[in-house]
């Protein structure tokens, strides 16, 4: 009897490990401060790859890299092109629907070398496509994209620097 139980437990260990890995992966969701209103639900999630574009500017005599705009391609969960992300910040789907947002909250990325995670509130929209009813957006799972800590001084004023990044964008709409 004990051998049968032992065999059953040993057979279930790989399954249990897979469940635990799945739980830990889903546990790395957005922190509480980046949650959209309870009246919204997930509409879709896309993956972005591209650049964060910075400009070297002086502010009160101090030079530093200032975000100019993102420039990224968006892909659906099957890897097919979905649209683009650009200055605004704006997102445009291949169907022509477009939204522009304003950052409402941010949290540090678990990856210290990456741009923060964000909650963005949609402030304008156009088109009746897939993005037509989006009200909030989360930027999560960021990799890269942080401005360099050096290289911006009077000799480089106005220069641009493109820093590669990747992120997931989760779009929310009213329930």
N, C-alpha and C. Protein backbone atom coordinates (compact mmCIF):
# COMPACT_ATOMS: atom_id res chain seq x y z
N UNK A 1 0.81 -1.19 0.00
CA UNK A 1 0.00 0.00 0.00
C UNK A 1 0.86 1.26 0.00
N UNK A 2 1.91 1.27 0.88
CA UNK A 2 2.78 2.44 0.93
C UNK A 2 3.50 2.66 -0.39
N UNK A 3 3.87 1.57 -1.06
CA UNK A 3 4.54 1.69 -2.36
C UNK A 3 3.62 2.30 -3.41
N UNK A 4 2.37 1.96 -3.36
CA UNK A 4 1.40 2.52 -4.31
C UNK A 4 1.23 4.03 -4.08
N UNK A 5 1.18 4.42 -2.82
CA UNK A 5 1.06 5.85 -2.50
C UNK A 5 2.32 6.58 -2.94
N UNK A 6 3.50 5.97 -2.63
CA UNK A 6 4.76 6.58 -3.03
C UNK A 6 4.83 6.73 -4.55
N UNK A 7 4.42 5.73 -5.30
CA UNK A 7 4.44 5.79 -6.76
C UNK A 7 3.50 6.89 -7.26
N UNK A 8 2.33 7.00 -6.63
CA UNK A 8 1.38 8.03 -7.03
C UNK A 8 1.95 9.44 -6.77
N UNK A 9 2.55 9.63 -5.58
CA UNK A 9 3.14 10.93 -5.24
C UNK A 9 4.28 11.26 -6.19
N UNK A 10 5.15 10.31 -6.47
CA UNK A 10 6.27 10.53 -7.40
C UNK A 10 5.77 10.86 -8.80
N UNK A 11 4.68 10.22 -9.21
CA UNK A 11 4.13 10.50 -10.54
C UNK A 11 3.51 11.89 -10.59
N UNK A 12 3.02 12.39 -9.47
CA UNK A 12 2.36 13.69 -9.45
C UNK A 12 3.33 14.86 -9.24
N UNK A 13 4.56 14.60 -8.80
CA UNK A 13 5.51 15.68 -8.55
C UNK A 13 5.76 16.57 -9.76
N UNK A 14 6.02 16.00 -10.95
CA UNK A 14 6.22 16.90 -12.09
C UNK A 14 5.00 17.77 -12.38
N UNK A 15 3.81 17.21 -12.22
CA UNK A 15 2.59 17.98 -12.43
C UNK A 15 2.49 19.11 -11.40
N UNK A 16 2.76 18.79 -10.14
CA UNK A 16 2.71 19.81 -9.09
C UNK A 16 3.74 20.90 -9.34
N UNK A 17 4.93 20.52 -9.78
CA UNK A 17 5.97 21.52 -10.07
C UNK A 17 5.50 22.44 -11.19
N UNK A 18 4.87 21.87 -12.21
CA UNK A 18 4.35 22.68 -13.31
C UNK A 18 3.28 23.65 -12.84
N UNK A 19 2.41 23.20 -11.95
CA UNK A 19 1.37 24.07 -11.42
C UNK A 19 2.00 25.20 -10.61
N UNK A 20 3.02 24.87 -9.79
CA UNK A 20 3.69 25.90 -8.99
C UNK A 20 4.39 26.92 -9.88
N UNK A 21 5.04 26.45 -10.95
CA UNK A 21 5.69 27.39 -11.88
C UNK A 21 4.65 28.29 -12.53
N UNK A 22 3.53 27.71 -12.90
CA UNK A 22 2.47 28.51 -13.51
C UNK A 22 1.94 29.55 -12.53
N UNK A 23 1.76 29.14 -11.27
CA UNK A 23 1.28 30.09 -10.26
C UNK A 23 2.28 31.20 -10.03
N UNK A 24 3.59 30.87 -9.99
CA UNK A 24 4.57 31.92 -9.74
C UNK A 24 4.66 32.86 -10.94
N UNK A 25 4.46 32.37 -12.14
CA UNK A 25 4.49 33.23 -13.32
C UNK A 25 3.29 34.18 -13.30
N UNK A 26 2.12 33.67 -12.93
CA UNK A 26 0.96 34.54 -12.90
C UNK A 26 1.00 35.47 -11.70
N UNK A 27 1.77 35.13 -10.67
CA UNK A 27 1.89 36.00 -9.50
C UNK A 27 2.66 37.27 -9.84
N UNK A 28 3.44 37.25 -10.91
CA UNK A 28 4.20 38.43 -11.30
C UNK A 28 3.33 39.34 -12.17
N UNK A 29 2.14 39.62 -11.70
CA UNK A 29 1.25 40.54 -12.37
C UNK A 29 1.52 41.93 -11.84
N UNK A 30 0.78 42.88 -12.33
CA UNK A 30 0.97 44.27 -11.92
C UNK A 30 0.66 44.45 -10.44
N UNK A 31 1.43 45.29 -9.76
CA UNK A 31 1.16 45.56 -8.34
C UNK A 31 -0.17 46.32 -8.17
N UNK A 32 -0.64 46.35 -6.96
CA UNK A 32 -1.95 46.94 -6.65
C UNK A 32 -2.10 48.37 -7.18
N UNK A 33 -1.05 49.19 -7.07
CA UNK A 33 -1.16 50.59 -7.50
C UNK A 33 -1.32 50.73 -9.02
N UNK A 34 -1.11 49.64 -9.75
CA UNK A 34 -1.26 49.68 -11.21
C UNK A 34 -2.51 48.97 -11.70
N UNK A 35 -3.40 48.65 -10.77
CA UNK A 35 -4.64 47.97 -11.16
C UNK A 35 -5.64 49.00 -11.70
N UNK A 36 -6.32 48.66 -12.78
CA UNK A 36 -7.36 49.57 -13.32
C UNK A 36 -8.58 49.55 -12.40
N UNK A 37 -9.52 50.44 -12.63
CA UNK A 37 -10.76 50.44 -11.83
C UNK A 37 -11.46 49.08 -11.90
N UNK A 38 -12.17 48.75 -10.84
CA UNK A 38 -12.88 47.47 -10.76
C UNK A 38 -13.98 47.35 -11.81
N UNK A 39 -14.34 48.45 -12.42
CA UNK A 39 -15.39 48.45 -13.45
C UNK A 39 -14.85 48.07 -14.83
N UNK A 40 -13.54 47.76 -14.90
CA UNK A 40 -12.92 47.40 -16.18
C UNK A 40 -12.48 45.94 -16.19
N UNK A 41 -12.39 45.38 -17.39
CA UNK A 41 -11.94 44.00 -17.58
C UNK A 41 -10.86 43.99 -18.66
N UNK A 42 -10.05 42.94 -18.66
CA UNK A 42 -9.02 42.79 -19.68
C UNK A 42 -9.67 42.58 -21.03
N UNK A 43 -9.25 43.36 -22.00
CA UNK A 43 -9.73 43.23 -23.36
C UNK A 43 -8.75 42.38 -24.17
N UNK A 44 -7.46 42.75 -24.11
CA UNK A 44 -6.43 42.01 -24.81
C UNK A 44 -5.05 42.40 -24.30
N UNK A 45 -4.06 41.57 -24.64
CA UNK A 45 -2.67 41.84 -24.28
C UNK A 45 -1.81 41.69 -25.52
N UNK A 46 -0.87 42.62 -25.69
CA UNK A 46 0.06 42.56 -26.82
C UNK A 46 1.49 42.69 -26.29
N UNK A 47 2.43 42.28 -27.12
CA UNK A 47 3.85 42.40 -26.78
C UNK A 47 4.47 43.46 -27.69
N UNK A 48 5.29 44.31 -27.10
CA UNK A 48 5.95 45.38 -27.86
C UNK A 48 7.45 45.16 -27.89
N UNK A 49 8.05 45.43 -29.05
CA UNK A 49 9.51 45.50 -29.16
C UNK A 49 9.84 46.73 -29.97
N UNK A 50 10.81 47.48 -29.48
CA UNK A 50 11.19 48.70 -30.16
C UNK A 50 12.20 49.48 -29.36
N UNK A 51 12.06 50.81 -29.39
CA UNK A 51 13.01 51.70 -28.71
C UNK A 51 12.28 52.74 -27.87
N UNK A 52 12.93 53.14 -26.80
CA UNK A 52 12.57 54.36 -26.08
C UNK A 52 13.56 55.39 -26.60
N UNK A 53 13.07 56.52 -27.10
CA UNK A 53 13.93 57.53 -27.71
C UNK A 53 14.09 58.68 -26.72
N UNK A 54 15.35 58.99 -26.40
CA UNK A 54 15.67 60.05 -25.45
C UNK A 54 16.40 61.18 -26.17
N UNK A 55 16.21 62.40 -25.64
CA UNK A 55 16.88 63.58 -26.17
C UNK A 55 17.72 64.19 -25.05
N UNK A 56 18.94 64.62 -25.38
CA UNK A 56 19.82 65.25 -24.40
C UNK A 56 19.41 66.71 -24.25
N UNK A 57 18.98 67.07 -23.03
CA UNK A 57 18.49 68.43 -22.79
C UNK A 57 19.03 68.97 -21.47
N UNK A 58 19.10 70.31 -21.41
CA UNK A 58 19.49 70.98 -20.16
C UNK A 58 18.23 71.36 -19.40
N UNK A 59 18.28 71.17 -18.09
CA UNK A 59 17.17 71.57 -17.23
C UNK A 59 17.79 72.24 -16.00
N UNK A 60 17.67 73.56 -15.93
CA UNK A 60 18.26 74.28 -14.81
C UNK A 60 19.77 74.16 -14.76
N UNK A 61 20.41 74.12 -15.91
CA UNK A 61 21.87 74.01 -15.95
C UNK A 61 22.39 72.58 -15.88
N UNK A 62 21.52 71.62 -15.57
CA UNK A 62 21.92 70.21 -15.50
C UNK A 62 21.46 69.52 -16.79
N UNK A 63 22.37 68.76 -17.38
CA UNK A 63 22.02 68.01 -18.58
C UNK A 63 21.57 66.61 -18.21
N UNK A 64 20.61 66.11 -18.98
CA UNK A 64 20.14 64.76 -18.77
C UNK A 64 19.31 64.28 -19.94
N UNK A 65 19.13 62.96 -20.01
CA UNK A 65 18.34 62.35 -21.07
C UNK A 65 16.86 62.47 -20.70
N UNK A 66 16.07 63.02 -21.62
CA UNK A 66 14.63 63.20 -21.43
C UNK A 66 13.90 62.36 -22.47
N UNK A 67 12.87 61.63 -22.01
CA UNK A 67 12.11 60.80 -22.94
C UNK A 67 11.44 61.67 -24.00
N UNK A 68 11.71 61.33 -25.24
CA UNK A 68 11.08 62.02 -26.37
C UNK A 68 9.83 61.25 -26.80
N UNK A 69 10.00 59.93 -27.01
CA UNK A 69 8.88 59.11 -27.48
C UNK A 69 9.27 57.64 -27.50
N UNK A 70 8.27 56.77 -27.38
CA UNK A 70 8.52 55.36 -27.67
C UNK A 70 8.31 55.13 -29.16
N UNK A 71 8.91 54.10 -29.66
CA UNK A 71 8.67 53.68 -31.05
C UNK A 71 8.78 52.16 -31.06
N UNK A 72 7.63 51.50 -31.15
CA UNK A 72 7.63 50.04 -31.04
C UNK A 72 6.57 49.41 -31.93
N UNK A 73 6.83 48.19 -32.31
CA UNK A 73 5.86 47.37 -33.02
C UNK A 73 5.15 46.50 -32.00
N UNK A 74 3.85 46.28 -32.20
CA UNK A 74 3.04 45.47 -31.30
C UNK A 74 2.67 44.17 -31.98
N UNK A 75 2.68 43.09 -31.18
CA UNK A 75 2.38 41.75 -31.69
C UNK A 75 1.35 41.08 -30.79
N UNK A 76 0.41 40.35 -31.41
CA UNK A 76 -0.58 39.63 -30.60
C UNK A 76 0.07 38.39 -30.00
N UNK A 77 -0.72 37.62 -29.21
CA UNK A 77 -0.14 36.48 -28.50
C UNK A 77 0.35 35.37 -29.41
N UNK A 78 -0.08 35.36 -30.67
CA UNK A 78 0.42 34.35 -31.61
C UNK A 78 1.64 34.87 -32.39
N UNK A 79 2.06 36.11 -32.10
CA UNK A 79 3.24 36.67 -32.76
C UNK A 79 2.94 37.44 -34.04
N UNK A 80 1.66 37.58 -34.37
CA UNK A 80 1.29 38.31 -35.59
C UNK A 80 1.28 39.81 -35.32
N UNK A 81 1.66 40.62 -36.31
CA UNK A 81 1.65 42.07 -36.13
C UNK A 81 0.25 42.56 -35.72
N UNK A 82 0.22 43.42 -34.70
CA UNK A 82 -1.03 43.96 -34.20
C UNK A 82 -1.15 45.46 -34.48
N UNK A 83 -0.03 46.16 -34.41
CA UNK A 83 -0.07 47.61 -34.59
C UNK A 83 1.23 48.24 -34.15
N UNK A 84 1.14 49.50 -33.67
CA UNK A 84 2.35 50.22 -33.27
C UNK A 84 2.08 51.09 -32.05
N UNK A 85 3.18 51.45 -31.39
CA UNK A 85 3.16 52.32 -30.21
C UNK A 85 4.12 53.46 -30.50
N UNK A 86 3.68 54.70 -30.23
CA UNK A 86 4.49 55.86 -30.61
C UNK A 86 4.18 57.04 -29.70
N UNK A 87 4.73 58.20 -30.04
CA UNK A 87 4.59 59.41 -29.21
C UNK A 87 3.14 59.68 -28.86
N UNK A 88 2.95 60.18 -27.69
CA UNK A 88 1.62 60.55 -27.21
C UNK A 88 1.51 60.41 -25.70
N UNK A 89 1.68 59.24 -25.12
CA UNK A 89 1.87 57.95 -25.76
C UNK A 89 0.59 57.48 -26.47
N UNK A 90 0.79 56.89 -27.64
CA UNK A 90 -0.33 56.42 -28.44
C UNK A 90 -0.11 54.98 -28.88
N UNK A 91 -1.21 54.29 -29.10
CA UNK A 91 -1.22 52.93 -29.62
C UNK A 91 -2.19 52.91 -30.78
N UNK A 92 -1.78 52.29 -31.89
CA UNK A 92 -2.65 52.19 -33.05
C UNK A 92 -2.68 50.75 -33.52
N UNK A 93 -3.89 50.20 -33.64
CA UNK A 93 -4.07 48.84 -34.13
C UNK A 93 -4.06 48.84 -35.65
N UNK A 94 -3.81 47.70 -36.22
CA UNK A 94 -3.78 47.56 -37.69
C UNK A 94 -5.12 47.91 -38.31
N UNK A 95 -6.22 47.86 -37.53
CA UNK A 95 -7.53 48.21 -38.06
C UNK A 95 -7.78 49.72 -38.09
N UNK A 96 -6.78 50.51 -37.66
CA UNK A 96 -6.89 51.97 -37.69
C UNK A 96 -7.37 52.60 -36.39
N UNK A 97 -7.88 51.81 -35.45
CA UNK A 97 -8.29 52.39 -34.18
C UNK A 97 -7.06 52.85 -33.41
N UNK A 98 -7.21 53.99 -32.72
CA UNK A 98 -6.05 54.60 -32.05
C UNK A 98 -6.48 55.19 -30.71
N UNK A 99 -5.59 55.06 -29.72
CA UNK A 99 -5.83 55.66 -28.42
C UNK A 99 -4.57 56.40 -27.97
N UNK A 100 -4.78 57.44 -27.19
CA UNK A 100 -3.68 58.19 -26.58
C UNK A 100 -3.96 58.22 -25.09
N UNK A 101 -2.90 58.10 -24.29
CA UNK A 101 -3.09 58.03 -22.85
C UNK A 101 -2.21 58.98 -22.08
N UNK A 102 -2.45 58.96 -20.77
CA UNK A 102 -1.66 59.75 -19.83
C UNK A 102 -1.34 58.84 -18.65
N UNK A 103 -0.06 58.81 -18.24
CA UNK A 103 0.34 57.96 -17.12
C UNK A 103 -0.42 58.36 -15.87
N UNK A 104 -1.02 57.37 -15.20
CA UNK A 104 -1.77 57.61 -13.97
C UNK A 104 -1.00 57.11 -12.76
N UNK A 105 -0.16 56.10 -12.93
CA UNK A 105 0.62 55.53 -11.83
C UNK A 105 1.79 54.75 -12.42
N UNK A 106 2.85 54.60 -11.61
CA UNK A 106 3.98 53.78 -12.04
C UNK A 106 4.54 53.02 -10.86
N UNK A 107 5.29 51.97 -11.18
CA UNK A 107 5.96 51.15 -10.17
C UNK A 107 7.26 50.67 -10.79
N UNK A 108 8.31 50.53 -9.97
CA UNK A 108 9.57 50.05 -10.52
C UNK A 108 9.42 48.66 -11.14
N UNK A 109 10.15 48.44 -12.21
CA UNK A 109 10.18 47.10 -12.81
C UNK A 109 10.94 46.17 -11.86
N UNK A 110 10.55 44.91 -11.78
CA UNK A 110 11.33 43.95 -11.00
C UNK A 110 12.76 43.83 -11.54
N UNK A 111 12.96 44.19 -12.80
CA UNK A 111 14.27 44.21 -13.44
C UNK A 111 14.82 45.64 -13.31
N UNK A 112 15.79 45.83 -12.44
CA UNK A 112 16.32 47.17 -12.13
C UNK A 112 16.88 47.90 -13.35
N UNK A 113 17.22 47.18 -14.40
CA UNK A 113 17.77 47.80 -15.61
C UNK A 113 16.70 48.14 -16.64
N UNK A 114 15.44 48.09 -16.22
CA UNK A 114 14.33 48.30 -17.15
C UNK A 114 13.45 49.47 -16.73
N UNK A 115 12.75 50.03 -17.72
CA UNK A 115 11.82 51.13 -17.46
C UNK A 115 10.70 50.65 -16.54
N UNK A 116 10.07 51.59 -15.82
CA UNK A 116 9.01 51.21 -14.87
C UNK A 116 7.79 50.61 -15.55
N UNK A 117 7.00 49.94 -14.74
CA UNK A 117 5.69 49.47 -15.14
C UNK A 117 4.74 50.65 -14.95
N UNK A 118 3.68 50.71 -15.77
CA UNK A 118 2.77 51.85 -15.73
C UNK A 118 1.31 51.43 -15.75
N UNK A 119 0.47 52.34 -15.25
CA UNK A 119 -0.96 52.31 -15.51
C UNK A 119 -1.24 53.61 -16.26
N UNK A 120 -1.85 53.50 -17.43
CA UNK A 120 -2.14 54.65 -18.29
C UNK A 120 -3.65 54.76 -18.44
N UNK A 121 -4.15 55.98 -18.33
CA UNK A 121 -5.56 56.26 -18.55
C UNK A 121 -5.72 56.84 -19.95
N UNK A 122 -6.67 56.30 -20.70
CA UNK A 122 -6.91 56.79 -22.06
C UNK A 122 -7.57 58.17 -21.98
N UNK A 123 -7.00 59.13 -22.75
CA UNK A 123 -7.54 60.49 -22.76
C UNK A 123 -8.18 60.85 -24.10
N UNK A 124 -7.86 60.09 -25.16
CA UNK A 124 -8.52 60.32 -26.45
C UNK A 124 -8.49 59.03 -27.26
N UNK A 125 -9.43 58.94 -28.19
CA UNK A 125 -9.51 57.74 -29.04
C UNK A 125 -10.08 58.13 -30.39
N UNK A 126 -9.77 57.31 -31.38
CA UNK A 126 -10.38 57.48 -32.70
C UNK A 126 -10.52 56.11 -33.33
N UNK A 127 -11.49 55.97 -34.19
CA UNK A 127 -11.75 54.69 -34.85
C UNK A 127 -12.63 53.79 -34.01
N UNK A 128 -13.31 52.89 -34.69
CA UNK A 128 -14.24 51.97 -34.02
C UNK A 128 -13.69 50.55 -33.93
N UNK A 129 -12.40 50.39 -34.15
CA UNK A 129 -11.81 49.06 -34.14
C UNK A 129 -11.58 48.52 -32.73
N UNK A 130 -10.66 47.60 -32.63
CA UNK A 130 -10.40 46.86 -31.40
C UNK A 130 -10.03 47.77 -30.23
N UNK A 131 -9.39 48.89 -30.48
CA UNK A 131 -9.00 49.79 -29.39
C UNK A 131 -10.07 50.85 -29.08
N UNK A 132 -11.16 50.83 -29.81
CA UNK A 132 -12.18 51.87 -29.70
C UNK A 132 -12.82 52.04 -28.34
N UNK A 133 -12.79 51.01 -27.49
CA UNK A 133 -13.44 51.10 -26.18
C UNK A 133 -12.46 50.99 -25.02
N UNK A 134 -11.16 50.99 -25.32
CA UNK A 134 -10.15 50.86 -24.27
C UNK A 134 -10.17 52.09 -23.37
N UNK A 135 -10.08 51.85 -22.05
CA UNK A 135 -10.11 52.94 -21.08
C UNK A 135 -8.84 53.02 -20.24
N UNK A 136 -8.13 51.89 -20.08
CA UNK A 136 -6.88 51.86 -19.32
C UNK A 136 -5.90 50.89 -19.98
N UNK A 137 -4.61 51.13 -19.72
CA UNK A 137 -3.55 50.28 -20.27
C UNK A 137 -2.51 50.06 -19.18
N UNK A 138 -2.05 48.82 -19.04
CA UNK A 138 -0.91 48.54 -18.17
C UNK A 138 0.29 48.25 -19.04
N UNK A 139 1.46 48.79 -18.66
CA UNK A 139 2.73 48.38 -19.26
C UNK A 139 3.42 47.56 -18.20
N UNK A 140 3.63 46.27 -18.50
CA UNK A 140 4.26 45.35 -17.55
C UNK A 140 5.33 44.53 -18.25
N UNK A 141 6.07 43.76 -17.46
CA UNK A 141 7.11 42.86 -17.96
C UNK A 141 8.14 43.59 -18.83
N UNK A 142 8.55 44.77 -18.41
CA UNK A 142 9.49 45.56 -19.19
C UNK A 142 10.90 44.97 -19.16
N UNK A 143 11.59 45.11 -20.27
CA UNK A 143 12.99 44.70 -20.40
C UNK A 143 13.71 45.81 -21.14
N UNK A 144 14.70 46.42 -20.49
CA UNK A 144 15.48 47.48 -21.12
C UNK A 144 14.72 48.79 -21.18
N UNK A 145 15.21 49.69 -22.06
CA UNK A 145 14.54 50.96 -22.30
C UNK A 145 14.95 52.11 -21.42
N UNK A 146 15.78 51.87 -20.41
CA UNK A 146 16.18 52.95 -19.51
C UNK A 146 17.19 53.87 -20.17
N UNK A 147 17.07 55.17 -19.89
CA UNK A 147 18.03 56.14 -20.41
C UNK A 147 19.41 55.87 -19.81
N UNK A 148 20.43 56.16 -20.60
CA UNK A 148 21.79 56.02 -20.09
C UNK A 148 22.02 57.02 -18.95
N UNK A 149 22.89 56.67 -18.04
CA UNK A 149 23.20 57.55 -16.92
C UNK A 149 24.22 58.61 -17.32
N UNK A 150 24.89 58.42 -18.44
CA UNK A 150 25.93 59.37 -18.85
C UNK A 150 25.80 59.65 -20.34
N UNK A 151 26.70 60.52 -20.84
CA UNK A 151 26.73 60.80 -22.27
C UNK A 151 25.93 62.01 -22.69
N UNK A 152 25.28 62.67 -21.73
CA UNK A 152 24.50 63.86 -22.05
C UNK A 152 25.15 65.05 -21.35
N UNK A 153 25.71 65.95 -22.17
CA UNK A 153 26.35 67.16 -21.65
C UNK A 153 26.21 68.25 -22.70
N UNK A 154 26.79 69.41 -22.45
CA UNK A 154 26.66 70.55 -23.37
C UNK A 154 27.09 70.19 -24.78
N UNK A 155 28.12 69.37 -24.91
CA UNK A 155 28.61 68.98 -26.23
C UNK A 155 27.63 68.07 -26.98
N UNK A 156 26.68 67.44 -26.25
CA UNK A 156 25.73 66.51 -26.88
C UNK A 156 24.29 67.02 -26.84
N UNK A 157 24.10 68.30 -26.47
CA UNK A 157 22.75 68.87 -26.38
C UNK A 157 22.00 68.65 -27.69
N UNK A 158 20.76 68.19 -27.58
CA UNK A 158 19.93 67.94 -28.75
C UNK A 158 20.12 66.57 -29.38
N UNK A 159 21.15 65.85 -28.99
CA UNK A 159 21.42 64.52 -29.54
C UNK A 159 20.34 63.55 -29.04
N UNK A 160 19.99 62.58 -29.89
CA UNK A 160 19.04 61.55 -29.51
C UNK A 160 19.75 60.24 -29.24
N UNK A 161 19.15 59.44 -28.38
CA UNK A 161 19.66 58.12 -28.05
C UNK A 161 18.48 57.15 -28.06
N UNK A 162 18.60 56.09 -28.83
CA UNK A 162 17.55 55.07 -28.92
C UNK A 162 17.97 53.88 -28.07
N UNK A 163 17.12 53.53 -27.10
CA UNK A 163 17.42 52.43 -26.20
C UNK A 163 16.39 51.32 -26.42
N UNK A 164 16.85 50.14 -26.85
CA UNK A 164 15.92 49.02 -27.11
C UNK A 164 15.15 48.63 -25.85
N UNK A 165 13.88 48.26 -26.06
CA UNK A 165 13.07 47.76 -24.96
C UNK A 165 12.03 46.78 -25.47
N UNK A 166 11.46 46.06 -24.52
CA UNK A 166 10.33 45.18 -24.79
C UNK A 166 9.39 45.30 -23.59
N UNK A 167 8.12 45.11 -23.81
CA UNK A 167 7.12 45.18 -22.74
C UNK A 167 5.85 44.50 -23.19
N UNK A 168 5.01 44.20 -22.24
CA UNK A 168 3.66 43.74 -22.53
C UNK A 168 2.71 44.88 -22.20
N UNK A 169 1.73 45.10 -23.07
CA UNK A 169 0.68 46.08 -22.83
C UNK A 169 -0.64 45.34 -22.69
N UNK A 170 -1.32 45.60 -21.57
CA UNK A 170 -2.61 44.98 -21.31
C UNK A 170 -3.67 46.08 -21.43
N UNK A 171 -4.62 45.89 -22.33
CA UNK A 171 -5.67 46.87 -22.58
C UNK A 171 -6.95 46.47 -21.85
N UNK A 172 -7.54 47.45 -21.17
CA UNK A 172 -8.77 47.24 -20.40
C UNK A 172 -9.91 48.06 -20.98
N UNK A 173 -11.12 47.52 -20.87
CA UNK A 173 -12.34 48.20 -21.35
C UNK A 173 -13.43 48.00 -20.29
N UNK A 174 -14.50 48.81 -20.34
CA UNK A 174 -15.59 48.63 -19.37
C UNK A 174 -16.16 47.21 -19.42
N UNK A 175 -16.57 46.74 -18.24
CA UNK A 175 -17.18 45.40 -18.14
C UNK A 175 -18.53 45.39 -18.82
